[in-house]
Amino acid sequence: MRRFLIAGNWKMNCGPYDAAELLEGLTERKAEISEDVDVLVCPPFVSIGMAVKYLYDTDIQVGAQNLHFEENGAFTGEISGSMLTESGCNYVIIGHSERRQYFGETDETVNKRVHKAIEHKLAPIVCVGESLEQRQKEEHFELVKNQVKKALEGVSEAEVRDVVIAYEPIWAIGTGETATPEQAQVMHEYIRTVLSDLYSEEVADQINILYGGSMKPANAKELLSQPDVDGGLIGGASLDADSFSEIITIAEELA
């Protein structure tokens, strides 16, 4: 059985002081977490140390929002996989739609980052998803399939078991459109079929596929009740201790 993974992507929010306040509120509200649910926070790089410190004796894990595909060198402003591991990270988000849109991430660089994460025992959370224009043109299934295939190129069956896929319906974020739980399920099921074709049905059934389209307490139960939605990559709601805790509780009740 797949365990729910509730992951908070803080994006460019919460320096060390704000991180400490948020984490204190979160740990007060969720002193214990069900063994059937994994919980993760991904702060900005400057707050990873604070998160590791605050969460050391808890069941909440720490991840990063990106990594470079080189080990070290003249890459000003970048962070390597070894740095993240030494800092206490267990996961790393790769290929987020904002990285692709604003910072030139491509399917090729996503694949390089996935391999580097695996090399350093970091579980990659690989983001895939289509824009409104791509969905309207009915290109969404082919696009997502290609994103998954290219991201996992060269990743072995043993290695892919630690990979997480996050589906971001970019078309439903800030557009006025709404992604229904049923639409999320259709794409998640399709992604699992792609994984089954790449590896096997048995392997595909073990891989977590998260929903990254503005999950919040109001829609978490419906989304997490879908058979192929294994958790959420949560943005805004993860910056509020009450909201994030409520989503965790909903996952625990459904697990």
C-alpha atoms as a PDB file:
ATOM      1  CA  MET A   1       0.000   0.000   0.000  1.00  0.00           C
ATOM      2  CA  ARG A   2       1.199   3.510  -0.838  1.00  0.00           C
ATOM      3  CA  ARG A   3       1.457   5.912   2.076  1.00  0.00           C
ATOM      4  CA  PHE A   4       0.138   9.428   1.717  1.00  0.00           C
ATOM      5  CA  LEU A   5       2.834  12.085   1.330  1.00  0.00           C
ATOM      6  CA  ILE A   6       1.848  15.609   2.357  1.00  0.00           C
ATOM      7  CA  ALA A   7       4.615  17.954   1.188  1.00  0.00           C
ATOM      8  CA  GLY A   8       4.765  21.682   1.800  1.00  0.00           C
ATOM      9  CA  ASN A   9       6.528  23.770  -0.850  1.00  0.00           C
ATOM     10  CA  TRP A  10       7.220  27.109   0.826  1.00  0.00           C
ATOM     11  CA  LYS A  11       8.589  28.636  -2.403  1.00  0.00           C
ATOM     12  CA  MET A  12      10.317  32.009  -1.764  1.00  0.00           C
ATOM     13  CA  ASN A  13       8.742  32.506   1.654  1.00  0.00           C
ATOM     14  CA  CYS A  14       9.930  32.243   5.270  1.00  0.00           C
ATOM     15  CA  GLY A  15      13.477  33.186   6.165  1.00  0.00           C
ATOM     16  CA  PRO A  16      14.904  31.522   9.279  1.00  0.00           C
ATOM     17  CA  TYR A  17      12.902  33.563  11.824  1.00  0.00           C
ATOM     18  CA  ASP A  18       9.561  33.117  10.038  1.00  0.00           C
ATOM     19  CA  ALA A  19      10.425  29.459   9.464  1.00  0.00           C
ATOM     20  CA  ALA A  20      10.960  28.936  13.178  1.00  0.00           C
ATOM     21  CA  GLU A  21       7.571  30.495  13.973  1.00  0.00           C
ATOM     22  CA  LEU A  22       5.773  28.398  11.339  1.00  0.00           C
ATOM     23  CA  LEU A  23       7.465  25.174  12.408  1.00  0.00           C
ATOM     24  CA  GLU A  24       6.746  25.829  16.072  1.00  0.00           C
ATOM     25  CA  GLY A  25       3.061  26.247  15.227  1.00  0.00           C
ATOM     26  CA  LEU A  26       3.070  23.122  13.077  1.00  0.00           C
ATOM     27  CA  THR A  27       4.753  20.905  15.661  1.00  0.00           C
ATOM     28  CA  GLU A  28       2.424  22.165  18.381  1.00  0.00           C
ATOM     29  CA  ARG A  29      -0.599  21.208  16.275  1.00  0.00           C
ATOM     30  CA  LYS A  30       0.845  17.933  14.974  1.00  0.00           C
ATOM     31  CA  ALA A  31       2.921  16.590  17.851  1.00  0.00           C
ATOM     32  CA  GLU A  32       2.303  13.090  16.499  1.00  0.00           C
ATOM     33  CA  ILE A  33       1.721  11.951  12.933  1.00  0.00           C
ATOM     34  CA  SER A  34       0.122   8.695  11.841  1.00  0.00           C
ATOM     35  CA  GLU A  35       2.525   6.023  10.649  1.00  0.00           C
ATOM     36  CA  ASP A  36       0.422   5.806   7.469  1.00  0.00           C
ATOM     37  CA  VAL A  37       1.250   9.388   6.411  1.00  0.00           C
ATOM     38  CA  ASP A  38       4.590  10.971   5.519  1.00  0.00           C
ATOM     39  CA  VAL A  39       4.959  14.717   6.034  1.00  0.00           C
ATOM     40  CA  LEU A  40       7.564  16.940   4.443  1.00  0.00           C
ATOM     41  CA  VAL A  41       8.400  20.641   4.369  1.00  0.00           C
ATOM     42  CA  CYS A  42      10.565  22.229   1.664  1.00  0.00           C
ATOM     43  CA  PRO A  43      11.791  25.638   2.865  1.00  0.00           C
ATOM     44  CA  PRO A  44      14.018  28.010   0.885  1.00  0.00           C
ATOM     45  CA  PHE A  45      17.707  27.129   1.145  1.00  0.00           C
ATOM     46  CA  VAL A  46      18.455  29.680   3.901  1.00  0.00           C
ATOM     47  CA  SER A  47      15.851  28.092   6.184  1.00  0.00           C
ATOM     48  CA  ILE A  48      16.743  24.431   5.728  1.00  0.00           C
ATOM     49  CA  GLY A  49      19.071  24.482   8.753  1.00  0.00           C
ATOM     50  CA  MET A  50      16.367  25.974  10.940  1.00  0.00           C
ATOM     51  CA  ALA A  51      13.860  23.381   9.736  1.00  0.00           C
ATOM     52  CA  VAL A  52      16.235  20.494  10.434  1.00  0.00           C
ATOM     53  CA  LYS A  53      16.874  21.883  13.920  1.00  0.00           C
ATOM     54  CA  TYR A  54      13.181  22.293  14.768  1.00  0.00           C
ATOM     55  CA  LEU A  55      12.093  18.967  13.282  1.00  0.00           C
ATOM     56  CA  TYR A  56      14.981  16.812  14.511  1.00  0.00           C
ATOM     57  CA  ASP A  57      12.899  14.823  17.019  1.00  0.00           C
ATOM     58  CA  THR A  58       9.690  14.732  14.966  1.00  0.00           C
ATOM     59  CA  ASP A  59       8.302  12.619  12.140  1.00  0.00           C
ATOM     60  CA  ILE A  60       8.339  15.583   9.739  1.00  0.00           C
ATOM     61  CA  GLN A  61      11.049  15.419   7.087  1.00  0.00           C
ATOM     62  CA  VAL A  62      12.882  18.237   5.318  1.00  0.00           C
ATOM     63  CA  GLY A  63      13.427  18.707   1.594  1.00  0.00           C
ATOM     64  CA  ALA A  64      14.784  21.340  -0.774  1.00  0.00           C
ATOM     65  CA  GLN A  65      13.211  23.141  -3.715  1.00  0.00           C
ATOM     66  CA  ASN A  66      15.946  22.526  -6.274  1.00  0.00           C
ATOM     67  CA  LEU A  67      19.497  21.273  -6.783  1.00  0.00           C
ATOM     68  CA  HIS A  68      22.182  21.631  -9.438  1.00  0.00           C
ATOM     69  CA  PHE A  69      23.230  18.663 -11.555  1.00  0.00           C
ATOM     70  CA  GLU A  70      26.963  19.302 -11.040  1.00  0.00           C
ATOM     71  CA  GLU A  71      28.757  18.305  -7.850  1.00  0.00           C
ATOM     72  CA  ASN A  72      30.606  21.586  -7.335  1.00  0.00           C
ATOM     73  CA  GLY A  73      32.307  24.371  -9.250  1.00  0.00           C
ATOM     74  CA  ALA A  74      31.774  27.878 -10.601  1.00  0.00           C
ATOM     75  CA  PHE A  75      27.982  27.935 -10.438  1.00  0.00           C
ATOM     76  CA  THR A  76      27.221  31.054  -8.432  1.00  0.00           C
ATOM     77  CA  GLY A  77      23.967  30.836  -6.512  1.00  0.00           C
ATOM     78  CA  GLU A  78      23.491  27.094  -6.998  1.00  0.00           C
ATOM     79  CA  ILE A  79      23.249  24.254  -4.461  1.00  0.00           C
ATOM     80  CA  SER A  80      24.623  20.738  -4.916  1.00  0.00           C
ATOM     81  CA  GLY A  81      23.162  17.419  -3.898  1.00  0.00           C
ATOM     82  CA  SER A  82      25.934  16.778  -1.381  1.00  0.00           C
ATOM     83  CA  MET A  83      25.215  20.147   0.265  1.00  0.00           C
ATOM     84  CA  LEU A  84      21.558  19.214   0.666  1.00  0.00           C
ATOM     85  CA  THR A  85      22.391  15.807   2.117  1.00  0.00           C
ATOM     86  CA  GLU A  86      24.863  17.338   4.575  1.00  0.00           C
ATOM     87  CA  SER A  87      22.209  19.884   5.554  1.00  0.00           C
ATOM     88  CA  GLY A  88      19.769  17.130   6.526  1.00  0.00           C
ATOM     89  CA  CYS A  89      17.466  16.946   3.493  1.00  0.00           C
ATOM     90  CA  ASN A  90      15.728  13.742   2.441  1.00  0.00           C
ATOM     91  CA  TYR A  91      13.805  15.023  -0.600  1.00  0.00           C
ATOM     92  CA  VAL A  92      14.225  17.598  -3.356  1.00  0.00           C
ATOM     93  CA  ILE A  93      11.662  19.134  -5.704  1.00  0.00           C
ATOM     94  CA  ILE A  94      12.747  18.999  -9.349  1.00  0.00           C
ATOM     95  CA  GLY A  95      11.253  20.651 -12.423  1.00  0.00           C
ATOM     96  CA  HIS A  96       8.560  22.703 -10.708  1.00  0.00           C
ATOM     97  CA  SER A  97       6.465  24.648 -13.226  1.00  0.00           C
ATOM     98  CA  GLU A  98       7.849  27.928 -11.871  1.00  0.00           C
ATOM     99  CA  ARG A  99      11.400  26.700 -12.430  1.00  0.00           C
ATOM    100  CA  ARG A 100      10.487  25.731 -15.984  1.00  0.00           C
ATOM    101  CA  GLN A 101       8.663  29.001 -16.668  1.00  0.00           C
ATOM    102  CA  TYR A 102      10.979  31.535 -15.036  1.00  0.00           C
ATOM    103  CA  PHE A 103      14.399  29.888 -14.853  1.00  0.00           C
ATOM    104  CA  GLY A 104      14.771  27.919 -18.066  1.00  0.00           C
ATOM    105  CA  GLU A 105      14.418  24.388 -16.707  1.00  0.00           C
ATOM    106  CA  THR A 106      14.032  21.847 -19.507  1.00  0.00           C
ATOM    107  CA  ASP A 107      13.193  18.166 -19.636  1.00  0.00           C
ATOM    108  CA  GLU A 108      16.908  17.505 -20.166  1.00  0.00           C
ATOM    109  CA  THR A 109      18.077  19.462 -17.109  1.00  0.00           C
ATOM    110  CA  VAL A 110      15.286  17.900 -15.061  1.00  0.00           C
ATOM    111  CA  ASN A 111      16.644  14.467 -15.978  1.00  0.00           C
ATOM    112  CA  LYS A 112      20.183  15.481 -14.968  1.00  0.00           C
ATOM    113  CA  ARG A 113      18.897  16.734 -11.626  1.00  0.00           C
ATOM    114  CA  VAL A 114      16.944  13.532 -11.030  1.00  0.00           C
ATOM    115  CA  HIS A 115      20.107  11.470 -11.490  1.00  0.00           C
ATOM    116  CA  LYS A 116      22.083  13.747  -9.191  1.00  0.00           C
ATOM    117  CA  ALA A 117      19.393  13.540  -6.511  1.00  0.00           C
ATOM    118  CA  ILE A 118      19.360   9.745  -6.683  1.00  0.00           C
ATOM    119  CA  GLU A 119      23.164   9.691  -6.468  1.00  0.00           C
ATOM    120  CA  HIS A 120      22.940  11.552  -3.163  1.00  0.00           C
ATOM    121  CA  LYS A 121      20.079   9.472  -1.733  1.00  0.00           C
ATOM    122  CA  LEU A 122      17.623  12.346  -2.080  1.00  0.00           C
ATOM    123  CA  ALA A 123      14.114  11.325  -3.137  1.00  0.00           C
ATOM    124  CA  PRO A 124      13.236  13.419  -6.213  1.00  0.00           C
ATOM    125  CA  ILE A 125       9.771  14.963  -6.400  1.00  0.00           C
ATOM    126  CA  VAL A 126       9.476  15.361 -10.171  1.00  0.00           C
ATOM    127  CA  CYS A 127       6.917  17.935 -11.271  1.00  0.00           C
ATOM    128  CA  VAL A 128       4.964  17.553 -14.514  1.00  0.00           C
ATOM    129  CA  GLY A 129       1.914  19.327 -15.885  1.00  0.00           C
ATOM    130  CA  GLU A 130       0.342  21.281 -18.704  1.00  0.00           C
ATOM    131  CA  SER A 131      -0.701  24.874 -19.312  1.00  0.00           C
ATOM    132  CA  LEU A 132      -4.215  26.049 -20.125  1.00  0.00           C
ATOM    133  CA  GLU A 133      -3.295  26.444 -23.798  1.00  0.00           C
ATOM    134  CA  GLN A 134      -1.888  22.915 -23.953  1.00  0.00           C
ATOM    135  CA  ARG A 135      -5.018  21.476 -22.344  1.00  0.00           C
ATOM    136  CA  GLN A 136      -7.310  23.422 -24.672  1.00  0.00           C
ATOM    137  CA  LYS A 137      -5.383  22.008 -27.626  1.00  0.00           C
ATOM    138  CA  GLU A 138      -5.803  18.534 -26.095  1.00  0.00           C
ATOM    139  CA  GLU A 139      -2.039  18.113 -25.921  1.00  0.00           C
ATOM    140  CA  HIS A 140      -1.984  17.493 -22.167  1.00  0.00           C
ATOM    141  CA  PHE A 141      -1.718  13.712 -22.097  1.00  0.00           C
ATOM    142  CA  GLU A 142       1.087  13.567 -24.647  1.00  0.00           C
ATOM    143  CA  LEU A 143       2.946  16.413 -22.973  1.00  0.00           C
ATOM    144  CA  VAL A 144       2.783  14.885 -19.507  1.00  0.00           C
ATOM    145  CA  LYS A 145       3.795  11.474 -20.869  1.00  0.00           C
ATOM    146  CA  ASN A 146       6.860  12.999 -22.505  1.00  0.00           C
ATOM    147  CA  GLN A 147       7.762  14.924 -19.355  1.00  0.00           C
ATOM    148  CA  VAL A 148       7.612  11.732 -17.279  1.00  0.00           C
ATOM    149  CA  LYS A 149       9.565   9.672 -19.819  1.00  0.00           C
ATOM    150  CA  LYS A 150      12.321  12.269 -20.253  1.00  0.00           C
ATOM    151  CA  ALA A 151      12.628  12.926 -16.517  1.00  0.00           C
ATOM    152  CA  LEU A 152      13.135   9.212 -15.842  1.00  0.00           C
ATOM    153  CA  GLU A 153      15.424   8.438 -18.762  1.00  0.00           C
ATOM    154  CA  GLY A 154      18.242   6.224 -17.527  1.00  0.00           C
ATOM    155  CA  VAL A 155      16.626   5.702 -14.110  1.00  0.00           C
ATOM    156  CA  SER A 156      16.621   2.022 -13.201  1.00  0.00           C
ATOM    157  CA  GLU A 157      13.706   0.027 -11.816  1.00  0.00           C
ATOM    158  CA  ALA A 158      15.409  -0.109  -8.422  1.00  0.00           C
ATOM    159  CA  GLU A 159      16.039   3.645  -8.401  1.00  0.00           C
ATOM    160  CA  VAL A 160      12.587   4.746  -9.565  1.00  0.00           C
ATOM    161  CA  ARG A 161      10.919   3.218  -6.516  1.00  0.00           C
ATOM    162  CA  ASP A 162      12.135   6.238  -4.517  1.00  0.00           C
ATOM    163  CA  VAL A 163      10.932   8.793  -7.079  1.00  0.00           C
ATOM    164  CA  VAL A 164       7.773  10.817  -6.446  1.00  0.00           C
ATOM    165  CA  ILE A 165       5.779  12.388  -9.291  1.00  0.00           C
ATOM    166  CA  ALA A 166       3.836  15.611  -8.679  1.00  0.00           C
ATOM    167  CA  TYR A 167       1.138  16.569 -11.166  1.00  0.00           C
ATOM    168  CA  GLU A 168       0.680  20.332 -11.477  1.00  0.00           C
ATOM    169  CA  PRO A 169      -2.348  21.364 -13.541  1.00  0.00           C
ATOM    170  CA  ILE A 170      -0.868  24.766 -14.369  1.00  0.00           C
ATOM    171  CA  TRP A 171      -4.066  25.627 -16.243  1.00  0.00           C
ATOM    172  CA  ALA A 172      -6.024  25.532 -12.983  1.00  0.00           C
ATOM    173  CA  ILE A 173      -3.709  27.790 -10.978  1.00  0.00           C
ATOM    174  CA  GLY A 174      -4.550  31.488 -11.153  1.00  0.00           C
ATOM    175  CA  THR A 175      -6.591  31.166 -14.354  1.00  0.00           C
ATOM    176  CA  GLY A 176     -10.137  31.123 -13.027  1.00  0.00           C
ATOM    177  CA  GLU A 177     -10.461  27.523 -14.204  1.00  0.00           C
ATOM    178  CA  THR A 178     -11.087  24.736 -11.710  1.00  0.00           C
ATOM    179  CA  ALA A 179      -9.536  21.275 -11.609  1.00  0.00           C
ATOM    180  CA  THR A 180     -12.064  18.804 -10.245  1.00  0.00           C
ATOM    181  CA  PRO A 181     -11.033  15.752  -8.211  1.00  0.00           C
ATOM    182  CA  GLU A 182     -12.199  13.643 -11.150  1.00  0.00           C
ATOM    183  CA  GLN A 183      -9.907  15.507 -13.558  1.00  0.00           C
ATOM    184  CA  ALA A 184      -7.020  15.029 -11.140  1.00  0.00           C
ATOM    185  CA  GLN A 185      -7.759  11.306 -10.926  1.00  0.00           C
ATOM    186  CA  VAL A 186      -7.847  10.924 -14.712  1.00  0.00           C
ATOM    187  CA  MET A 187      -4.373  12.418 -15.082  1.00  0.00           C
ATOM    188  CA  HIS A 188      -2.926  10.584 -12.072  1.00  0.00           C
ATOM    189  CA  GLU A 189      -4.238   7.290 -13.420  1.00  0.00           C
ATOM    190  CA  TYR A 190      -2.731   8.119 -16.805  1.00  0.00           C
ATOM    191  CA  ILE A 191       0.653   8.905 -15.231  1.00  0.00           C
ATOM    192  CA  ARG A 192       0.561   5.556 -13.443  1.00  0.00           C
ATOM    193  CA  THR A 193      -0.121   3.864 -16.774  1.00  0.00           C
ATOM    194  CA  VAL A 194       2.905   5.630 -18.264  1.00  0.00           C
ATOM    195  CA  LEU A 195       5.024   4.421 -15.332  1.00  0.00           C
ATOM    196  CA  SER A 196       3.679   0.903 -15.822  1.00  0.00           C
ATOM    197  CA  ASP A 197       4.674   0.981 -19.491  1.00  0.00           C
ATOM    198  CA  LEU A 198       8.154   2.280 -18.607  1.00  0.00           C
ATOM    199  CA  TYR A 199       8.762  -0.235 -15.817  1.00  0.00           C
ATOM    200  CA  SER A 200       6.009  -2.591 -14.669  1.00  0.00           C
ATOM    201  CA  GLU A 201       2.592  -2.463 -13.083  1.00  0.00           C
ATOM    202  CA  GLU A 202       4.077  -3.639  -9.813  1.00  0.00           C
ATOM    203  CA  VAL A 203       6.613  -0.790  -9.764  1.00  0.00           C
ATOM    204  CA  ALA A 204       4.048   1.797 -10.881  1.00  0.00           C
ATOM    205  CA  ASP A 205       1.753   0.793  -8.031  1.00  0.00           C
ATOM    206  CA  GLN A 206       4.498   1.674  -5.527  1.00  0.00           C
ATOM    207  CA  ILE A 207       5.227   5.194  -6.792  1.00  0.00           C
ATOM    208  CA  ASN A 208       3.539   8.141  -5.098  1.00  0.00           C
ATOM    209  CA  ILE A 209       1.808  10.599  -7.423  1.00  0.00           C
ATOM    210  CA  LEU A 210       1.021  13.882  -5.669  1.00  0.00           C
ATOM    211  CA  TYR A 211      -1.477  16.544  -6.674  1.00  0.00           C
ATOM    212  CA  GLY A 212       0.059  20.015  -6.993  1.00  0.00           C
ATOM    213  CA  GLY A 213      -2.908  22.145  -7.998  1.00  0.00           C
ATOM    214  CA  SER A 214      -3.707  24.325  -4.981  1.00  0.00           C
ATOM    215  CA  MET A 215      -4.695  21.673  -2.450  1.00  0.00           C
ATOM    216  CA  LYS A 216      -6.198  23.192   0.687  1.00  0.00           C
ATOM    217  CA  PRO A 217      -8.400  22.020   3.572  1.00  0.00           C
ATOM    218  CA  ALA A 218     -11.580  22.757   1.598  1.00  0.00           C
ATOM    219  CA  ASN A 219     -10.734  20.341  -1.237  1.00  0.00           C
ATOM    220  CA  ALA A 220      -8.190  17.974   0.336  1.00  0.00           C
ATOM    221  CA  LYS A 221     -10.664  15.238   1.303  1.00  0.00           C
ATOM    222  CA  GLU A 222     -12.177  14.976  -2.185  1.00  0.00           C
ATOM    223  CA  LEU A 223      -8.762  14.979  -3.836  1.00  0.00           C
ATOM    224  CA  LEU A 224      -7.127  12.524  -1.441  1.00  0.00           C
ATOM    225  CA  SER A 225     -10.108  10.175  -1.778  1.00  0.00           C
ATOM    226  CA  GLN A 226      -9.228   9.559  -5.430  1.00  0.00           C
ATOM    227  CA  PRO A 227      -7.537   6.152  -5.842  1.00  0.00           C
ATOM    228  CA  ASP A 228      -4.444   7.456  -7.641  1.00  0.00           C
ATOM    229  CA  VAL A 229      -3.925  10.683  -5.663  1.00  0.00           C
ATOM    230  CA  ASP A 230      -1.304   9.788  -3.085  1.00  0.00           C
ATOM    231  CA  GLY A 231      -0.878  13.153  -1.399  1.00  0.00           C
ATOM    232  CA  GLY A 232      -0.237  16.769  -2.210  1.00  0.00           C
ATOM    233  CA  LEU A 233       2.546  19.160  -3.104  1.00  0.00           C
ATOM    234  CA  ILE A 234       1.081  22.113  -1.284  1.00  0.00           C
ATOM    235  CA  GLY A 235       2.020  25.760  -1.754  1.00  0.00           C
ATOM    236  CA  GLY A 236       0.050  28.513  -0.032  1.00  0.00           C
ATOM    237  CA  ALA A 237      -1.716  26.287   2.498  1.00  0.00           C
ATOM    238  CA  SER A 238       1.652  24.985   3.748  1.00  0.00           C
ATOM    239  CA  LEU A 239       2.534  28.499   4.958  1.00  0.00           C
ATOM    240  CA  ASP A 240      -0.257  28.411   7.516  1.00  0.00           C
ATOM    241  CA  ALA A 241       0.195  25.990  10.409  1.00  0.00           C
ATOM    242  CA  ASP A 242      -3.555  25.512  10.882  1.00  0.00           C
ATOM    243  CA  SER A 243      -4.241  24.795   7.205  1.00  0.00           C
ATOM    244  CA  PHE A 244      -1.282  22.462   6.727  1.00  0.00           C
ATOM    245  CA  SER A 245      -2.103  20.593   9.937  1.00  0.00           C
ATOM    246  CA  GLU A 246      -5.708  20.191   8.807  1.00  0.00           C
ATOM    247  CA  ILE A 247      -4.626  18.672   5.493  1.00  0.00           C
ATOM    248  CA  ILE A 248      -2.360  16.239   7.366  1.00  0.00           C
ATOM    249  CA  THR A 249      -5.267  15.277   9.625  1.00  0.00           C
ATOM    250  CA  ILE A 250      -7.524  14.670   6.614  1.00  0.00           C
ATOM    251  CA  ALA A 251      -4.865  12.375   5.113  1.00  0.00           C
ATOM    252  CA  GLU A 252      -4.578  10.498   8.406  1.00  0.00           C
ATOM    253  CA  GLU A 253      -8.339   9.967   8.530  1.00  0.00           C
ATOM    254  CA  LEU A 254      -8.353   8.598   4.967  1.00  0.00           C
ATOM    255  CA  ALA A 255      -5.246   6.416   5.342  1.00  0.00           C
END
